[in-house]
Amino acid sequence: MIALLDRYGTPHPQPGATHFSGQIGQHQLKWEQHTEFVTYTVFMNGVSERAFAPADMDIFPDDWLSAAPGVRITSALIRVEERPEDEVICKLLSDWFVPESLAVSRVIDDEAIVSGDFRIDPAGHLRFGVFVTPGIGRRRAGRIVQRLCEIETYKTMSMLGFTRVRELGPRMGEIDNELNRLMAAMTNGDGQEEDRLKALLSVSAELESLSAQTSFRFGATGAYEAIVAQRVSVLREERFQGRQTFAEFMTRRYDPAMRTVKSAESRLSAMAARAVRAGDLLRTRVEVARSAQNQQLLESMNQRADMQLRLQKTVEGLSVVAISYYAVSLAGYLLYPVADALGISKGVLTGLVTIPVVLLVWLAIRRIRKLVEQNGPDI
């Protein structure tokens, strides 16, 4: 904007300004910065002899338009004239617009007649005609023109959502088919469940990514659509000689595109929810299968523990015999002198000592095992 103002020697706005009005040449410029676009509106002194002459846009030089950042979304020429007879209006409409898409209506309690065909002319502009009654007042006529500008601006901005849906359509179809295939495989039990779970998680991640990428555009489209509907309603349209109104044009040409955007948004949300539910279900099945494997493992461990216990008892018995053998031998060495004094043979003495020694060893080992079972391995 500053570059444009410098061409005409117009003072700059304050830094950080979001709107500006100033004189450029013989005309008045109005600049507004919105959330994701800016608008340039030029009010010319009078109308040119040729209706919608491309030369009217020369106020925006071609080199300046080429160097401007971003993309030009829409451009419109609005011609405001004093209202003639209805027959003259019909003749002008047939000369200016394409009959197939022409929308005409009386607005604001028949204070004006607005018209437009929403077609881009060879110069790249849309055309609107406004016929105002004498004495309507500049401010009221200005509000009618402002409504037309807002209808066209927000209509075009909302169509960005429709463009985005057309870009996403093929990929959404592929994801939907992939999701259906995974669901069928999960139902039929084909393949490894871990592999299907990884594929479902990949689909869910892609759907979440698409939702994040499109959430702003879909939200903006809904907001723009609401503004368009509100701006059309405040015109308070009345039919002009049986022609379609702006509201009817929007119903036939604009609303289907917006319904497509809403349908795509709902479809994307539904697909994401399906993927999450399928992932949860498959994850549950995997966990159940793992639980069954763990149960089998525990049963196997229990069997091995039983075998170890039986082996331990066997070893315990053998240990009693071995310890008792050595204990009897030691006791024999200690008691042999006593046997000689008592006149008892060594064999008889060994036989008398064996049973008490075996019993004592067995009781000692049993006590040790009970202490270990009660107090754990710290014993």
Protein backbone atom coordinates (compact mmCIF):
# COMPACT_ATOMS: atom_id res chain seq x y z
CA MET A 1 0.00 0.00 0.00
CA ILE A 2 2.84 2.38 0.84
CA ALA A 3 4.31 1.72 -2.60
CA LEU A 4 0.98 2.66 -4.17
CA LEU A 5 0.68 5.80 -2.05
CA ASP A 6 4.20 6.86 -3.02
CA ARG A 7 3.22 6.73 -6.69
CA TYR A 8 0.55 9.35 -6.04
CA GLY A 9 2.41 11.33 -3.40
CA THR A 10 -0.11 10.50 -0.69
CA PRO A 11 0.93 10.63 2.99
CA HIS A 12 1.44 7.27 4.69
CA PRO A 13 -0.82 5.90 7.45
CA GLN A 14 0.36 5.48 11.01
CA PRO A 15 2.60 2.44 11.65
CA GLY A 16 0.55 -0.63 12.56
CA ALA A 17 -2.68 0.79 11.11
CA THR A 18 -5.24 -1.75 9.91
CA HIS A 19 -7.30 0.66 7.79
CA PHE A 20 -6.63 3.84 5.83
CA SER A 21 -8.46 6.34 3.64
CA GLY A 22 -6.71 8.85 1.45
CA GLN A 23 -6.70 10.68 -1.85
CA ILE A 24 -4.82 9.11 -4.76
CA GLY A 25 -4.94 11.34 -7.81
CA GLN A 26 -8.54 12.40 -8.38
CA HIS A 27 -9.99 9.42 -6.55
CA GLN A 28 -10.47 8.23 -2.98
CA LEU A 29 -8.73 5.05 -1.73
CA LYS A 30 -9.92 2.91 1.17
CA TRP A 31 -7.58 0.19 2.44
CA GLU A 32 -8.52 -2.42 5.05
CA GLN A 33 -6.46 -5.23 6.55
CA HIS A 34 -8.41 -8.32 7.58
CA THR A 35 -7.30 -11.54 9.23
CA GLU A 36 -5.88 -13.17 6.09
CA PHE A 37 -6.44 -10.67 3.29
CA VAL A 38 -6.49 -6.97 2.51
CA THR A 39 -8.95 -5.00 0.40
CA TYR A 40 -8.39 -1.96 -1.80
CA THR A 41 -11.49 0.05 -2.69
CA VAL A 42 -11.34 3.07 -5.00
CA PHE A 43 -14.22 5.54 -5.24
CA MET A 44 -14.08 7.33 -8.58
CA ASN A 45 -15.57 10.72 -9.33
CA GLY A 46 -18.52 9.93 -11.56
CA VAL A 47 -18.93 7.06 -13.98
CA SER A 48 -17.13 6.53 -17.25
CA GLU A 49 -19.00 6.82 -20.53
CA ARG A 50 -18.39 3.17 -21.27
CA ALA A 51 -19.85 0.93 -18.62
CA PHE A 52 -17.26 -1.21 -16.81
CA ALA A 53 -14.40 0.06 -18.92
CA PRO A 54 -11.14 -1.83 -18.17
CA ALA A 55 -9.37 1.54 -18.10
CA ASP A 56 -11.08 2.24 -14.77
CA MET A 57 -8.62 -0.17 -13.15
CA ASP A 58 -5.59 1.70 -14.47
CA ILE A 59 -5.41 3.37 -11.09
CA PHE A 60 -3.69 0.11 -10.02
CA PRO A 61 -0.62 -0.08 -12.31
CA ASP A 62 0.23 -3.49 -13.79
CA ASP A 63 3.78 -3.50 -12.44
CA TRP A 64 2.47 -2.68 -8.95
CA LEU A 65 -0.06 -5.53 -9.15
CA SER A 66 2.67 -7.92 -10.29
CA ALA A 67 4.94 -6.96 -7.39
CA ALA A 68 2.18 -7.13 -4.76
CA PRO A 69 2.60 -10.01 -2.26
CA GLY A 70 0.10 -12.82 -2.21
CA VAL A 71 -2.58 -13.57 -4.80
CA ARG A 72 -5.38 -11.39 -6.06
CA ILE A 73 -8.49 -13.21 -4.90
CA THR A 74 -11.19 -11.13 -6.56
CA SER A 75 -11.70 -7.86 -8.38
CA ALA A 76 -15.03 -6.16 -9.01
CA LEU A 77 -16.30 -3.08 -10.82
CA ILE A 78 -19.45 -1.56 -9.30
CA ARG A 79 -21.28 1.04 -11.37
CA VAL A 80 -23.68 3.30 -9.47
CA GLU A 81 -26.23 5.28 -11.50
CA GLU A 82 -29.42 7.15 -10.85
CA ARG A 83 -32.35 4.84 -11.31
CA PRO A 84 -34.09 5.15 -14.71
CA GLU A 85 -37.32 3.51 -15.84
CA ASP A 86 -37.59 -0.24 -15.45
CA GLU A 87 -37.56 -0.74 -19.25
CA VAL A 88 -34.26 1.12 -19.49
CA ILE A 89 -32.84 -0.94 -16.63
CA CYS A 90 -33.80 -4.16 -18.44
CA LYS A 91 -32.07 -2.90 -21.60
CA LEU A 92 -28.90 -2.05 -19.67
CA LEU A 93 -28.91 -5.39 -17.91
CA SER A 94 -29.09 -7.27 -21.19
CA ASP A 95 -26.12 -5.24 -22.49
CA TRP A 96 -23.97 -5.56 -19.38
CA PHE A 97 -24.50 -9.07 -18.05
CA VAL A 98 -24.84 -12.73 -19.00
CA PRO A 99 -28.55 -13.63 -18.79
CA GLU A 100 -28.00 -17.21 -17.58
CA SER A 101 -26.56 -16.20 -14.21
CA LEU A 102 -27.96 -12.68 -13.84
CA ALA A 103 -29.35 -11.83 -10.39
CA VAL A 104 -31.44 -8.66 -9.96
CA SER A 105 -33.51 -7.45 -7.03
CA ARG A 106 -35.01 -4.41 -5.40
CA VAL A 107 -33.30 -3.74 -2.08
CA ILE A 108 -33.70 -1.59 1.02
CA ASP A 109 -37.44 -0.98 0.65
CA ASP A 110 -37.12 -0.40 -3.11
CA GLU A 111 -34.60 2.38 -2.60
CA ALA A 112 -32.26 0.77 -5.15
CA ILE A 113 -31.93 -2.04 -7.68
CA VAL A 114 -28.78 -4.15 -7.57
CA SER A 115 -27.65 -6.54 -10.29
CA GLY A 116 -24.75 -8.81 -11.15
CA ASP A 117 -23.98 -12.04 -12.97
CA PHE A 118 -20.97 -13.17 -10.91
CA ARG A 119 -19.05 -13.78 -14.14
CA ILE A 120 -15.44 -12.72 -14.69
CA ASP A 121 -15.17 -10.50 -17.76
CA PRO A 122 -12.24 -10.66 -20.24
CA ALA A 123 -10.38 -8.04 -18.19
CA GLY A 124 -10.55 -10.27 -15.08
CA HIS A 125 -13.22 -8.36 -13.13
CA LEU A 126 -16.72 -9.08 -11.88
CA ARG A 127 -19.45 -6.53 -12.62
CA PHE A 128 -22.23 -5.16 -10.45
CA GLY A 129 -24.79 -2.50 -11.33
CA VAL A 130 -26.55 -0.36 -8.71
CA PHE A 131 -29.45 1.91 -9.68
CA VAL A 132 -30.41 4.24 -6.81
CA THR A 133 -33.50 6.39 -6.49
CA PRO A 134 -32.99 10.18 -6.38
CA GLY A 135 -32.57 11.48 -2.87
CA ILE A 136 -31.49 8.17 -1.37
CA GLY A 137 -28.50 9.82 0.26
CA ARG A 138 -24.83 9.12 -0.15
CA ARG A 139 -24.47 7.14 3.05
CA ARG A 140 -27.33 4.78 2.30
CA ALA A 141 -26.11 4.22 -1.24
CA GLY A 142 -22.64 3.65 0.18
CA ARG A 143 -23.94 0.95 2.53
CA ILE A 144 -25.56 -0.85 -0.41
CA VAL A 145 -22.26 -0.77 -2.30
CA GLN A 146 -20.42 -1.93 0.81
CA ARG A 147 -22.79 -4.90 1.14
CA LEU A 148 -22.09 -5.90 -2.46
CA CYS A 149 -18.35 -5.64 -1.86
CA GLU A 150 -18.60 -7.78 1.25
CA ILE A 151 -20.79 -10.38 -0.44
CA GLU A 152 -18.28 -10.81 -3.26
CA THR A 153 -15.21 -10.68 -1.01
CA TYR A 154 -16.40 -13.18 1.57
CA LYS A 155 -18.00 -15.40 -1.07
CA THR A 156 -14.66 -15.69 -2.84
CA MET A 157 -12.73 -16.23 0.39
CA SER A 158 -15.10 -18.99 1.45
CA MET A 159 -14.50 -20.73 -1.88
CA LEU A 160 -10.91 -21.31 -0.77
CA GLY A 161 -12.34 -24.01 1.48
CA PHE A 162 -14.04 -25.62 -1.51
CA THR A 163 -10.74 -25.55 -3.41
CA ARG A 164 -9.03 -27.20 -0.47
CA VAL A 165 -11.69 -29.91 -0.38
CA ARG A 166 -11.16 -30.66 -4.07
CA GLU A 167 -7.44 -31.05 -3.43
CA LEU A 168 -8.03 -33.38 -0.48
CA GLY A 169 -10.80 -35.41 -2.11
CA PRO A 170 -8.65 -38.06 -3.85
CA ARG A 171 -6.44 -38.62 -0.81
CA MET A 172 -9.44 -38.84 1.51
CA GLY A 173 -10.88 -41.51 -0.79
CA GLU A 174 -7.63 -43.49 -0.64
CA ILE A 175 -7.51 -43.26 3.15
CA ASP A 176 -11.14 -44.34 3.39
CA ASN A 177 -10.43 -47.41 1.23
CA GLU A 178 -7.36 -48.24 3.28
CA LEU A 179 -9.37 -47.92 6.48
CA ASN A 180 -12.10 -50.19 5.11
CA ARG A 181 -9.47 -52.75 4.06
CA LEU A 182 -7.92 -52.77 7.51
CA MET A 183 -11.31 -53.12 9.15
CA ALA A 184 -12.16 -56.08 6.89
CA ALA A 185 -8.80 -57.71 7.63
CA MET A 186 -9.37 -57.21 11.34
CA THR A 187 -12.82 -58.78 11.08
CA ASN A 188 -11.58 -61.78 9.09
CA GLY A 189 -8.44 -62.18 11.17
CA ASP A 190 -6.07 -61.97 8.20
CA GLY A 191 -2.40 -61.27 8.89
CA GLN A 192 -0.64 -60.28 12.07
CA GLU A 193 -2.57 -58.04 14.42
CA GLU A 194 0.58 -56.08 15.32
CA ASP A 195 1.07 -55.19 11.63
CA ARG A 196 -2.55 -54.09 11.28
CA LEU A 197 -2.23 -52.01 14.44
CA LYS A 198 0.81 -50.21 13.00
CA ALA A 199 -1.10 -49.54 9.76
CA LEU A 200 -4.10 -48.19 11.69
CA LEU A 201 -1.88 -45.93 13.76
CA SER A 202 -0.32 -44.61 10.53
CA VAL A 203 -3.78 -43.90 9.08
CA SER A 204 -4.85 -42.19 12.31
CA ALA A 205 -1.73 -40.03 12.30
CA GLU A 206 -2.34 -38.94 8.71
CA LEU A 207 -5.98 -38.13 9.43
CA GLU A 208 -4.99 -36.08 12.45
CA SER A 209 -2.44 -34.25 10.31
CA LEU A 210 -5.08 -33.49 7.66
CA SER A 211 -7.48 -32.28 10.35
CA ALA A 212 -4.82 -29.96 11.75
CA GLN A 213 -3.97 -28.63 8.29
CA THR A 214 -7.59 -27.95 7.34
CA SER A 215 -9.12 -26.88 10.65
CA PHE A 216 -8.38 -23.18 10.11
CA ARG A 217 -9.58 -23.20 6.50
CA PHE A 218 -12.80 -25.04 7.32
CA GLY A 219 -13.46 -22.75 10.28
CA ALA A 220 -12.80 -19.65 8.16
CA THR A 221 -15.07 -20.99 5.42
CA GLY A 222 -17.93 -21.40 7.88
CA ALA A 223 -17.40 -17.87 9.19
CA TYR A 224 -17.28 -16.37 5.69
CA GLU A 225 -20.39 -18.26 4.67
CA ALA A 226 -22.28 -16.85 7.65
CA ILE A 227 -21.19 -13.31 6.73
CA VAL A 228 -22.34 -13.77 3.12
CA ALA A 229 -25.75 -15.02 4.27
CA GLN A 230 -26.08 -12.12 6.71
CA ARG A 231 -25.10 -9.51 4.10
CA VAL A 232 -27.60 -10.89 1.61
CA SER A 233 -30.38 -10.90 4.20
CA VAL A 234 -29.83 -7.25 5.24
CA LEU A 235 -30.42 -6.15 1.63
CA ARG A 236 -34.10 -7.05 2.15
CA GLU A 237 -34.52 -8.18 -1.42
CA GLU A 238 -37.70 -8.03 -3.47
CA ARG A 239 -38.08 -9.65 -6.88
CA PHE A 240 -37.57 -7.44 -9.93
CA GLN A 241 -39.68 -8.44 -12.95
CA GLY A 242 -39.48 -12.15 -12.23
CA ARG A 243 -35.68 -12.26 -12.15
CA GLN A 244 -33.79 -14.37 -9.64
CA THR A 245 -32.60 -12.60 -6.53
CA PHE A 246 -29.13 -12.70 -5.00
CA ALA A 247 -30.44 -15.08 -2.34
CA GLU A 248 -31.74 -17.45 -5.00
CA PHE A 249 -28.45 -17.27 -6.87
CA MET A 250 -26.58 -18.16 -3.69
CA THR A 251 -28.94 -21.06 -3.04
CA ARG A 252 -28.36 -22.48 -6.52
CA ARG A 253 -24.67 -21.77 -7.11
CA TYR A 254 -23.02 -21.03 -3.77
CA ASP A 255 -24.72 -23.16 -1.12
CA PRO A 256 -23.87 -26.51 -2.80
CA ALA A 257 -20.17 -25.66 -2.60
CA MET A 258 -20.49 -24.79 1.07
CA ARG A 259 -22.40 -28.01 1.74
CA THR A 260 -19.57 -29.88 0.04
CA VAL A 261 -17.08 -28.25 2.41
CA LYS A 262 -19.20 -29.15 5.43
CA SER A 263 -19.61 -32.70 4.15
CA ALA A 264 -15.85 -33.07 3.69
CA GLU A 265 -15.23 -31.69 7.18
CA SER A 266 -17.73 -34.14 8.67
CA ARG A 267 -16.29 -36.99 6.62
CA LEU A 268 -12.76 -36.21 7.80
CA SER A 269 -13.90 -36.11 11.42
CA ALA A 270 -15.85 -39.35 11.02
CA MET A 271 -12.88 -41.10 9.41
CA ALA A 272 -10.59 -39.95 12.22
CA ALA A 273 -13.08 -41.23 14.80
CA ARG A 274 -13.38 -44.57 12.96
CA ALA A 275 -9.62 -44.96 12.85
CA VAL A 276 -9.36 -44.23 16.58
CA ARG A 277 -12.13 -46.72 17.42
CA ALA A 278 -10.60 -49.38 15.19
CA GLY A 279 -7.20 -48.78 16.74
CA ASP A 280 -8.63 -49.09 20.25
CA LEU A 281 -10.46 -52.28 19.32
CA LEU A 282 -7.40 -53.83 17.69
CA ARG A 283 -5.21 -52.73 20.58
CA THR A 284 -7.63 -54.47 22.95
CA ARG A 285 -7.45 -57.65 20.88
CA VAL A 286 -3.67 -57.53 20.92
CA GLU A 287 -3.67 -57.04 24.68
CA VAL A 288 -6.10 -59.95 25.13
CA ALA A 289 -3.88 -62.17 22.98
CA ARG A 290 -0.84 -61.14 24.99
CA SER A 291 -2.71 -61.82 28.22
CA ALA A 292 -3.50 -65.32 26.99
CA GLN A 293 0.18 -65.85 26.15
CA ASN A 294 1.15 -64.57 29.58
CA GLN A 295 -1.34 -66.97 31.15
CA GLN A 296 0.19 -69.88 29.29
CA LEU A 297 3.63 -68.73 30.36
CA LEU A 298 2.52 -68.56 33.99
CA GLU A 299 1.05 -72.06 33.79
CA SER A 300 4.30 -73.33 32.34
CA MET A 301 6.21 -71.60 35.12
CA ASN A 302 3.92 -73.19 37.71
CA GLN A 303 4.58 -76.61 36.24
CA ARG A 304 8.31 -76.03 36.36
CA ALA A 305 7.97 -74.78 39.96
CA ASP A 306 6.13 -77.99 40.90
CA MET A 307 8.84 -80.06 39.31
CA GLN A 308 11.50 -78.09 41.14
CA LEU A 309 9.64 -78.60 44.42
CA ARG A 310 9.48 -82.34 43.88
CA LEU A 311 13.16 -82.40 42.98
CA GLN A 312 13.89 -80.30 46.03
CA LYS A 313 12.09 -82.81 48.28
CA THR A 314 13.98 -85.66 46.65
CA VAL A 315 17.25 -83.84 47.16
CA GLU A 316 16.16 -83.13 50.71
CA GLY A 317 15.78 -86.86 51.39
CA LEU A 318 19.12 -87.59 49.82
CA SER A 319 20.64 -84.78 51.84
CA VAL A 320 19.30 -86.32 55.06
CA VAL A 321 20.87 -89.65 54.14
CA ALA A 322 24.22 -88.09 53.19
CA ILE A 323 24.42 -85.82 56.24
CA SER A 324 23.29 -88.63 58.49
CA TYR A 325 26.01 -90.90 57.08
CA TYR A 326 28.73 -88.41 57.87
CA ALA A 327 27.15 -87.58 61.25
CA VAL A 328 27.00 -91.27 62.24
CA SER A 329 30.63 -91.67 61.22
CA LEU A 330 31.67 -88.73 63.37
CA ALA A 331 29.55 -89.95 66.29
CA GLY A 332 31.12 -93.39 65.94
CA TYR A 333 34.62 -91.97 66.19
CA LEU A 334 33.61 -90.09 69.31
CA LEU A 335 31.90 -93.08 70.99
CA TYR A 336 34.34 -95.88 70.08
CA PRO A 337 36.35 -95.39 73.29
CA VAL A 338 33.11 -95.63 75.29
CA ALA A 339 32.18 -98.84 73.44
CA ASP A 340 35.46 -100.47 74.44
CA ALA A 341 34.88 -99.47 78.05
CA LEU A 342 31.33 -100.85 78.05
CA GLY A 343 32.30 -103.93 76.15
CA ILE A 344 30.02 -103.13 73.20
CA SER A 345 31.13 -103.86 69.69
CA LYS A 346 31.56 -101.01 67.21
CA GLY A 347 28.79 -102.34 64.94
CA VAL A 348 26.26 -102.39 67.79
CA LEU A 349 27.27 -98.90 68.84
CA THR A 350 26.95 -97.61 65.26
CA GLY A 351 23.49 -99.18 64.97
CA LEU A 352 22.36 -97.58 68.26
CA VAL A 353 23.59 -94.14 67.15
CA THR A 354 22.20 -94.21 63.56
CA ILE A 355 18.50 -93.81 64.30
CA PRO A 356 18.81 -90.80 66.69
CA VAL A 357 21.29 -89.10 64.35
CA VAL A 358 19.06 -89.57 61.29
CA LEU A 359 16.06 -88.27 63.24
CA LEU A 360 17.95 -85.21 64.44
CA VAL A 361 19.28 -84.41 60.95
CA TRP A 362 15.79 -84.77 59.46
CA LEU A 363 14.30 -82.45 62.10
CA ALA A 364 17.05 -79.89 61.61
CA ILE A 365 16.62 -79.79 57.81
CA ARG A 366 12.84 -79.55 58.15
CA ARG A 367 13.18 -76.63 60.58
CA ILE A 368 15.54 -74.82 58.26
CA ARG A 369 13.11 -75.25 55.32
CA LYS A 370 10.19 -73.88 57.40
CA LEU A 371 12.23 -70.84 58.43
CA VAL A 372 13.09 -70.17 54.78
CA GLU A 373 9.44 -70.51 53.71
CA GLN A 374 8.26 -68.17 56.48
CA ASN A 375 10.92 -65.49 56.31
CA GLY A 376 12.05 -65.63 52.68
CA PRO A 377 15.54 -65.87 51.24
CA ASP A 378 17.02 -63.43 53.82
CA ILE A 379 17.39 -66.34 56.22
